[in-house]
Amino acid sequence: MLRKRTTIIFLFFLLLVNVFLPAFLPSHWVDTFYLPYIYAPLGTILSSLSGVVSVSLWDSFWPIFIVLVLWSLMTMIRKKKERKSAAAHILIMLLFWGNWFFISWGHCYGRTPIDQKLGLNLDGLEKEDVVSAYTTIVKEMDVILEENEQWCAPSDSALMNLFTMQMHDQHIPLEVPLTRIKRMTLPSLYIGSGVLGYFGPFFNEVHINSLNYAKDFPYVILHELSHQQGVGSERDCNFMAFIIGANAKDSSVRYSVYLNALPYFISYFYSLPEIERKPLLAMIPSIVKKDLRDRHQWYKQKEKKIASEIQEKANDLYLKSNGVEHGVMDYGRYFGMIIVWINQNRVSTI
């Protein structure tokens, strides 16, 4: 019991260090120390090892963890003499995996925002800026549809190669080599709660839901690969997925990221008077409108409302507890970033 007590004290102290010490460190410590000296080597090892198997270690971990906790709880109830030992066992597990989260990836939430790295000025956006970026996207989608009669999904390896190339071109270091994109073990459960993809930090795994709307796959995969590169912010991951996809040679990838961006523009236009809104919405090609409707209907049919609400609240709490001020609203905050980026760079293929 003395050994367990010592372990608990050590792990508790380490957790306090992980939670509170970053507040006293320079704001750039994640970029200059944690990412290159802790996350990159550790993530490389974890990704290489977990990439050997096709099954999700993250999905396998949670049932085992829950069974062990329940077993210890049952021991506490049934065996009075072992209550302290069982309670210590639960506490050690919770403290260990709490620390492992921060060490293996959690500190990435303190990374310097991408807009600061790329010098994007998000202040003072006007309606004209939004319309200009929107026009560029719609025209590009129109060209894609004219040149391609059928949408063709790119392979996982093609997307990983694209991601690696674009990270280099954007002068953003590739922290962890890309090894494998895994499919979720229980896709119907996740799709019902609105989870299209996720990054499992304990074993450095990228997951994608096999039940996603077909044209969402490239965008979601690029988003999750961004998490694997040490980007915590959902806003920044959405933005990285957009600029990487928008600069792809593969028109299907470009179409995917544009399709995911359009609803934010449409939502903005509904704040305008009808006389201004109608001609803007009329610019959207009919095939794109159909894809937007089909996409909405696809997820609506698969949604399990209670599960979706629970997942959204849990994700909101998780993000806010890790310093993401806007919680789940952070996903949509890349809207201003893509407007500035499009208007500064225009969309060019390489």
Protein backbone atom coordinates (compact mmCIF):
# COMPACT_ATOMS: atom_id res chain seq x y z
CA MET A 1 0.00 0.00 0.00
CA LEU A 2 2.95 2.32 0.67
CA ARG A 3 4.09 1.89 -2.92
CA LYS A 4 0.62 2.79 -4.23
CA ARG A 5 0.47 5.83 -1.96
CA THR A 6 3.85 7.01 -3.26
CA THR A 7 2.71 6.45 -6.86
CA ILE A 8 -0.47 8.45 -6.26
CA ILE A 9 1.45 11.37 -4.73
CA PHE A 10 3.90 11.40 -7.65
CA LEU A 11 1.19 11.19 -10.33
CA PHE A 12 -0.92 13.85 -8.60
CA PHE A 13 2.06 16.20 -8.41
CA LEU A 14 2.85 15.53 -12.09
CA LEU A 15 -0.76 16.28 -13.03
CA LEU A 16 -0.61 19.60 -11.16
CA VAL A 17 2.56 20.42 -13.10
CA ASN A 18 0.90 19.54 -16.42
CA VAL A 19 -2.21 21.57 -15.66
CA PHE A 20 -0.77 24.69 -14.00
CA LEU A 21 2.87 25.07 -15.04
CA PRO A 22 2.11 26.16 -18.66
CA ALA A 23 0.42 29.30 -17.28
CA PHE A 24 3.80 30.46 -15.93
CA LEU A 25 5.79 29.61 -19.08
CA PRO A 26 6.36 31.90 -22.12
CA SER A 27 3.46 31.72 -24.57
CA HIS A 28 5.68 30.18 -27.26
CA TRP A 29 6.92 27.29 -25.11
CA VAL A 30 4.69 24.79 -26.94
CA ASP A 31 6.16 25.75 -30.33
CA THR A 32 9.78 26.01 -29.21
CA PHE A 33 10.03 23.17 -26.67
CA TYR A 34 7.04 20.84 -26.33
CA LEU A 35 6.39 20.21 -30.04
CA PRO A 36 9.97 19.56 -31.23
CA TYR A 37 11.38 17.86 -28.12
CA ILE A 38 8.44 15.97 -26.61
CA TYR A 39 5.49 15.64 -28.97
CA ALA A 40 7.40 15.02 -32.22
CA PRO A 41 9.60 12.11 -30.99
CA LEU A 42 6.88 10.61 -28.80
CA GLY A 43 4.21 10.99 -31.50
CA THR A 44 6.52 9.43 -34.08
CA ILE A 45 7.04 6.36 -31.90
CA LEU A 46 3.34 6.01 -31.05
CA SER A 47 2.20 6.54 -34.64
CA SER A 48 4.71 4.02 -35.97
CA LEU A 49 3.69 1.38 -33.45
CA SER A 50 -0.08 1.90 -33.66
CA GLY A 51 0.14 2.10 -37.45
CA VAL A 52 1.24 -1.54 -37.59
CA VAL A 53 -2.32 -2.69 -36.88
CA SER A 54 -5.46 -1.63 -38.77
CA VAL A 55 -7.76 -1.79 -35.74
CA SER A 56 -8.18 1.26 -33.51
CA LEU A 57 -6.24 0.97 -30.26
CA TRP A 58 -8.12 4.05 -29.00
CA ASP A 59 -11.49 2.32 -29.54
CA SER A 60 -10.15 -0.82 -27.86
CA PHE A 61 -8.70 1.10 -24.91
CA TRP A 62 -11.95 2.56 -23.57
CA PRO A 63 -13.92 -0.69 -23.05
CA ILE A 64 -10.90 -2.20 -21.28
CA PHE A 65 -10.44 0.91 -19.14
CA ILE A 66 -14.14 0.99 -18.18
CA VAL A 67 -14.14 -2.74 -17.30
CA LEU A 68 -11.09 -2.27 -15.05
CA VAL A 69 -12.72 0.68 -13.26
CA LEU A 70 -15.99 -1.23 -12.80
CA TRP A 71 -14.08 -4.28 -11.55
CA SER A 72 -12.30 -2.16 -8.95
CA LEU A 73 -15.61 -0.57 -7.91
CA MET A 74 -17.20 -4.01 -7.49
CA THR A 75 -14.21 -5.06 -5.39
CA MET A 76 -14.71 -2.03 -3.16
CA ILE A 77 -18.37 -2.96 -2.65
CA ARG A 78 -17.92 -6.69 -2.09
CA LYS A 79 -14.60 -6.88 -0.21
CA LYS A 80 -14.18 -4.47 2.67
CA LYS A 81 -10.57 -5.43 3.28
CA GLU A 82 -9.60 -4.50 -0.27
CA ARG A 83 -11.47 -1.20 -0.49
CA LYS A 84 -8.42 1.01 0.01
CA SER A 85 -6.38 -1.00 -2.46
CA ALA A 86 -9.14 -0.93 -5.10
CA ALA A 87 -9.72 2.80 -4.61
CA ALA A 88 -5.98 3.41 -4.97
CA HIS A 89 -6.00 1.33 -8.16
CA ILE A 90 -8.76 3.50 -9.70
CA LEU A 91 -7.02 6.71 -8.67
CA ILE A 92 -3.70 5.56 -10.14
CA MET A 93 -5.37 4.71 -13.46
CA LEU A 94 -7.14 8.09 -13.64
CA LEU A 95 -4.01 10.04 -12.73
CA PHE A 96 -1.79 8.08 -15.11
CA TRP A 97 -4.01 8.53 -18.16
CA GLY A 98 -4.68 12.16 -17.25
CA ASN A 99 -0.95 12.80 -17.29
CA TRP A 100 -0.50 10.75 -20.45
CA PHE A 101 -3.07 12.92 -22.24
CA PHE A 102 -1.09 16.10 -21.54
CA ILE A 103 2.31 14.54 -22.26
CA SER A 104 1.26 12.75 -25.46
CA TRP A 105 -0.74 15.62 -27.01
CA GLY A 106 -2.81 17.80 -24.66
CA HIS A 107 -0.32 20.69 -24.50
CA CYS A 108 -0.88 21.24 -28.24
CA TYR A 109 -3.88 23.39 -27.29
CA GLY A 110 -1.34 26.05 -26.29
CA ARG A 111 0.22 26.21 -29.76
CA THR A 112 0.54 29.59 -31.49
CA PRO A 113 -2.59 30.14 -33.65
CA ILE A 114 -2.12 29.48 -37.37
CA ASP A 115 -3.38 32.93 -38.41
CA GLN A 116 -0.55 34.52 -36.42
CA LYS A 117 2.02 32.24 -38.03
CA LEU A 118 0.77 33.04 -41.53
CA GLY A 119 0.29 36.76 -40.79
CA LEU A 120 -3.46 36.82 -41.51
CA ASN A 121 -5.16 40.03 -40.39
CA LEU A 122 -8.71 39.11 -39.33
CA ASP A 123 -9.71 42.61 -38.20
CA GLY A 124 -12.19 44.74 -40.10
CA LEU A 125 -13.66 42.20 -42.52
CA GLU A 126 -16.33 43.79 -44.73
CA LYS A 127 -19.23 42.35 -46.70
CA GLU A 128 -17.25 42.90 -49.89
CA ASP A 129 -14.48 40.63 -48.54
CA VAL A 130 -16.98 37.85 -47.89
CA VAL A 131 -18.58 38.21 -51.34
CA SER A 132 -15.18 38.24 -53.06
CA ALA A 133 -14.06 35.00 -51.35
CA TYR A 134 -17.45 33.40 -51.98
CA THR A 135 -17.33 34.30 -55.67
CA THR A 136 -13.90 32.71 -55.99
CA ILE A 137 -15.12 29.46 -54.41
CA VAL A 138 -18.31 29.26 -56.48
CA LYS A 139 -16.44 29.93 -59.75
CA GLU A 140 -13.87 27.29 -58.87
CA MET A 141 -16.63 24.74 -58.11
CA ASP A 142 -18.26 25.58 -61.45
CA VAL A 143 -14.98 24.89 -63.27
CA ILE A 144 -14.54 21.60 -61.39
CA LEU A 145 -18.04 20.47 -62.41
CA GLU A 146 -17.44 21.39 -66.05
CA GLU A 147 -14.17 19.45 -66.21
CA ASN A 148 -15.29 16.40 -64.23
CA GLU A 149 -18.49 14.50 -64.92
CA GLN A 150 -18.09 12.24 -61.88
CA TRP A 151 -16.71 12.86 -58.39
CA CYS A 152 -13.95 10.39 -57.55
CA ALA A 153 -12.89 9.81 -53.94
CA PRO A 154 -9.10 9.98 -53.40
CA SER A 155 -7.37 7.19 -51.48
CA ASP A 156 -6.06 7.55 -47.93
CA SER A 157 -2.47 7.38 -49.17
CA ALA A 158 -3.13 10.10 -51.77
CA LEU A 159 -4.50 12.39 -49.06
CA MET A 160 -1.55 11.70 -46.76
CA ASN A 161 0.86 12.49 -49.61
CA LEU A 162 -1.04 15.69 -50.38
CA PHE A 163 -0.96 16.69 -46.71
CA THR A 164 2.79 16.10 -46.47
CA MET A 165 3.48 18.11 -49.63
CA GLN A 166 1.29 21.02 -48.61
CA MET A 167 2.72 21.22 -45.09
CA HIS A 168 6.12 21.63 -46.71
CA ASP A 169 4.84 24.28 -49.15
CA GLN A 170 3.13 26.22 -46.35
CA HIS A 171 6.40 26.11 -44.34
CA ILE A 172 4.70 24.28 -41.47
CA PRO A 173 6.88 21.50 -39.99
CA LEU A 174 5.56 17.95 -40.18
CA GLU A 175 5.81 16.89 -36.53
CA VAL A 176 4.77 13.25 -36.95
CA PRO A 177 5.16 10.99 -40.03
CA LEU A 178 1.80 9.89 -41.44
CA THR A 179 1.34 6.13 -41.24
CA ARG A 180 -2.31 5.07 -41.40
CA ILE A 181 -5.87 6.42 -41.33
CA LYS A 182 -8.11 4.11 -39.34
CA ARG A 183 -11.85 3.48 -39.57
CA MET A 184 -13.92 3.79 -36.41
CA THR A 185 -14.86 0.51 -34.75
CA LEU A 186 -18.48 1.59 -34.15
CA PRO A 187 -19.27 3.98 -37.04
CA SER A 188 -23.08 3.91 -36.63
CA LEU A 189 -22.78 4.93 -32.97
CA TYR A 190 -20.48 7.84 -33.83
CA ILE A 191 -22.40 9.03 -36.89
CA GLY A 192 -25.57 9.13 -34.82
CA SER A 193 -23.90 11.55 -32.42
CA GLY A 194 -22.42 13.65 -35.23
CA VAL A 195 -18.81 12.47 -35.02
CA LEU A 196 -17.27 12.35 -38.51
CA GLY A 197 -13.68 11.83 -37.39
CA TYR A 198 -11.40 12.13 -34.38
CA PHE A 199 -7.78 11.96 -33.32
CA GLY A 200 -6.89 9.49 -30.57
CA PRO A 201 -3.95 11.08 -28.70
CA PHE A 202 -3.06 8.15 -26.43
CA PHE A 203 -1.77 6.12 -29.40
CA ASN A 204 -1.47 8.92 -31.99
CA GLU A 205 -4.18 7.58 -34.30
CA VAL A 206 -6.30 9.33 -36.93
CA HIS A 207 -9.85 7.98 -37.25
CA ILE A 208 -12.48 8.52 -39.91
CA ASN A 209 -16.13 7.45 -39.88
CA SER A 210 -16.85 5.03 -42.74
CA LEU A 211 -20.50 6.24 -42.80
CA ASN A 212 -19.65 9.86 -43.64
CA TYR A 213 -21.25 11.53 -46.63
CA ALA A 214 -18.93 10.49 -49.50
CA LYS A 215 -17.80 14.00 -50.46
CA ASP A 216 -16.86 14.82 -46.86
CA PHE A 217 -14.07 12.24 -46.64
CA PRO A 218 -11.16 14.38 -47.97
CA TYR A 219 -12.04 17.38 -45.81
CA VAL A 220 -12.53 15.38 -42.61
CA ILE A 221 -9.32 13.39 -43.14
CA LEU A 222 -7.29 16.57 -43.71
CA HIS A 223 -8.82 18.05 -40.53
CA GLU A 224 -7.85 15.04 -38.42
CA LEU A 225 -4.36 14.84 -39.92
CA SER A 226 -3.91 18.45 -38.78
CA HIS A 227 -4.65 17.35 -35.21
CA GLN A 228 -1.98 14.67 -35.56
CA GLN A 229 0.53 17.38 -36.41
CA GLY A 230 0.06 18.98 -33.02
CA VAL A 231 -2.73 21.43 -33.85
CA GLY A 232 -5.28 21.51 -31.01
CA SER A 233 -7.63 24.28 -32.15
CA GLU A 234 -10.61 23.08 -34.20
CA ARG A 235 -10.61 26.43 -35.97
CA ASP A 236 -7.01 25.99 -37.07
CA CYS A 237 -7.57 22.37 -38.15
CA ASN A 238 -10.53 23.43 -40.30
CA PHE A 239 -8.43 26.19 -41.81
CA MET A 240 -5.50 23.89 -42.51
CA ALA A 241 -7.83 21.36 -44.11
CA PHE A 242 -9.22 24.14 -46.32
CA ILE A 243 -5.93 25.60 -47.57
CA ILE A 244 -4.38 22.16 -48.11
CA GLY A 245 -7.46 20.96 -49.99
CA ALA A 246 -7.87 24.21 -51.97
CA ASN A 247 -4.32 23.91 -53.30
CA ALA A 248 -4.66 20.26 -54.29
CA LYS A 249 -4.28 19.07 -57.87
CA ASP A 250 -7.12 16.61 -57.27
CA SER A 251 -10.36 18.43 -58.07
CA SER A 252 -12.34 16.06 -55.83
CA VAL A 253 -10.33 17.25 -52.82
CA ARG A 254 -10.88 20.91 -53.77
CA TYR A 255 -14.59 20.27 -54.21
CA SER A 256 -14.80 18.63 -50.77
CA VAL A 257 -13.27 21.57 -48.89
CA TYR A 258 -15.38 24.10 -50.82
CA LEU A 259 -18.56 22.12 -50.13
CA ASN A 260 -17.80 22.22 -46.40
CA ALA A 261 -17.11 25.98 -46.49
CA LEU A 262 -20.22 27.01 -48.42
CA PRO A 263 -22.75 26.65 -45.54
CA TYR A 264 -20.86 29.35 -43.59
CA PHE A 265 -21.18 31.76 -46.50
CA ILE A 266 -24.85 30.90 -46.96
CA SER A 267 -25.49 31.46 -43.25
CA TYR A 268 -23.80 34.86 -43.50
CA PHE A 269 -25.87 35.84 -46.54
CA TYR A 270 -29.10 35.15 -44.64
CA SER A 271 -28.16 38.11 -42.44
CA LEU A 272 -28.37 40.36 -45.52
CA PRO A 273 -31.54 41.86 -47.03
CA GLU A 274 -33.31 39.52 -49.45
CA ILE A 275 -32.58 41.78 -52.41
CA GLU A 276 -28.84 41.28 -51.80
CA ARG A 277 -29.05 37.65 -50.75
CA LYS A 278 -30.97 36.21 -53.71
CA PRO A 279 -28.47 36.98 -56.51
CA LEU A 280 -25.60 35.68 -54.36
CA LEU A 281 -27.31 32.36 -53.64
CA ALA A 282 -28.35 32.09 -57.29
CA MET A 283 -24.64 31.84 -58.20
CA ILE A 284 -24.40 28.36 -56.67
CA PRO A 285 -24.54 25.70 -59.41
CA SER A 286 -27.58 23.43 -59.22
CA ILE A 287 -25.42 20.32 -58.73
CA VAL A 288 -23.74 21.96 -55.73
CA LYS A 289 -27.14 22.87 -54.27
CA LYS A 290 -28.17 19.23 -54.67
CA ASP A 291 -25.00 18.06 -52.92
CA LEU A 292 -25.69 20.45 -50.02
CA ARG A 293 -29.24 19.12 -49.70
CA ASP A 294 -28.11 15.50 -49.99
CA ARG A 295 -25.39 16.06 -47.40
CA HIS A 296 -27.84 17.63 -44.94
CA GLN A 297 -30.36 14.83 -45.48
CA TRP A 298 -27.67 12.13 -45.15
CA TYR A 299 -26.68 13.21 -41.65
CA LYS A 300 -30.22 14.06 -40.60
CA GLN A 301 -31.36 10.48 -41.34
CA LYS A 302 -28.50 9.03 -39.31
CA GLU A 303 -28.71 11.46 -36.39
CA LYS A 304 -29.75 10.20 -32.97
CA LYS A 305 -30.84 13.44 -31.33
CA ILE A 306 -30.18 12.58 -27.67
CA ALA A 307 -26.76 11.06 -28.46
CA SER A 308 -25.91 14.07 -30.64
CA GLU A 309 -26.84 16.54 -27.89
CA ILE A 310 -24.85 14.63 -25.25
CA GLN A 311 -21.81 14.41 -27.53
CA GLU A 312 -21.96 18.12 -28.38
CA LYS A 313 -22.17 19.13 -24.71
CA ALA A 314 -19.35 16.74 -23.76
CA ASN A 315 -17.16 18.03 -26.60
CA ASP A 316 -17.96 21.62 -25.65
CA LEU A 317 -16.92 20.94 -22.04
CA TYR A 318 -13.78 19.10 -23.16
CA LEU A 319 -12.66 21.93 -25.46
CA LYS A 320 -13.34 24.67 -22.91
CA SER A 321 -11.51 22.73 -20.18
CA ASN A 322 -8.48 22.66 -22.49
CA GLY A 323 -8.45 26.42 -23.03
CA VAL A 324 -10.57 26.61 -26.20
CA GLU A 325 -12.65 29.62 -25.16
CA HIS A 326 -15.45 29.18 -27.72
CA GLY A 327 -15.93 25.44 -27.23
CA VAL A 328 -17.69 23.73 -30.14
CA MET A 329 -18.24 27.14 -31.76
CA ASP A 330 -14.50 27.07 -32.50
CA TYR A 331 -15.16 24.85 -35.55
CA GLY A 332 -16.89 27.67 -37.42
CA ARG A 333 -14.42 30.38 -36.50
CA TYR A 334 -12.21 29.49 -39.47
CA PHE A 335 -14.71 31.32 -41.70
CA GLY A 336 -12.93 34.67 -41.36
CA MET A 337 -9.55 33.00 -41.87
CA ILE A 338 -10.47 31.46 -45.23
CA ILE A 339 -11.95 34.78 -46.40
CA VAL A 340 -8.67 36.59 -45.74
CA TRP A 341 -6.58 33.75 -47.16
CA ILE A 342 -8.61 33.49 -50.39
CA ASN A 343 -8.58 37.23 -50.97
CA GLN A 344 -4.83 37.44 -50.34
CA ASN A 345 -3.77 34.38 -52.29
CA ARG A 346 -6.70 33.55 -54.54
CA VAL A 347 -7.01 29.82 -55.09
CA SER A 348 -4.20 28.35 -57.16
CA THR A 349 -3.52 24.73 -57.98
CA ILE A 350 -0.01 23.28 -57.86
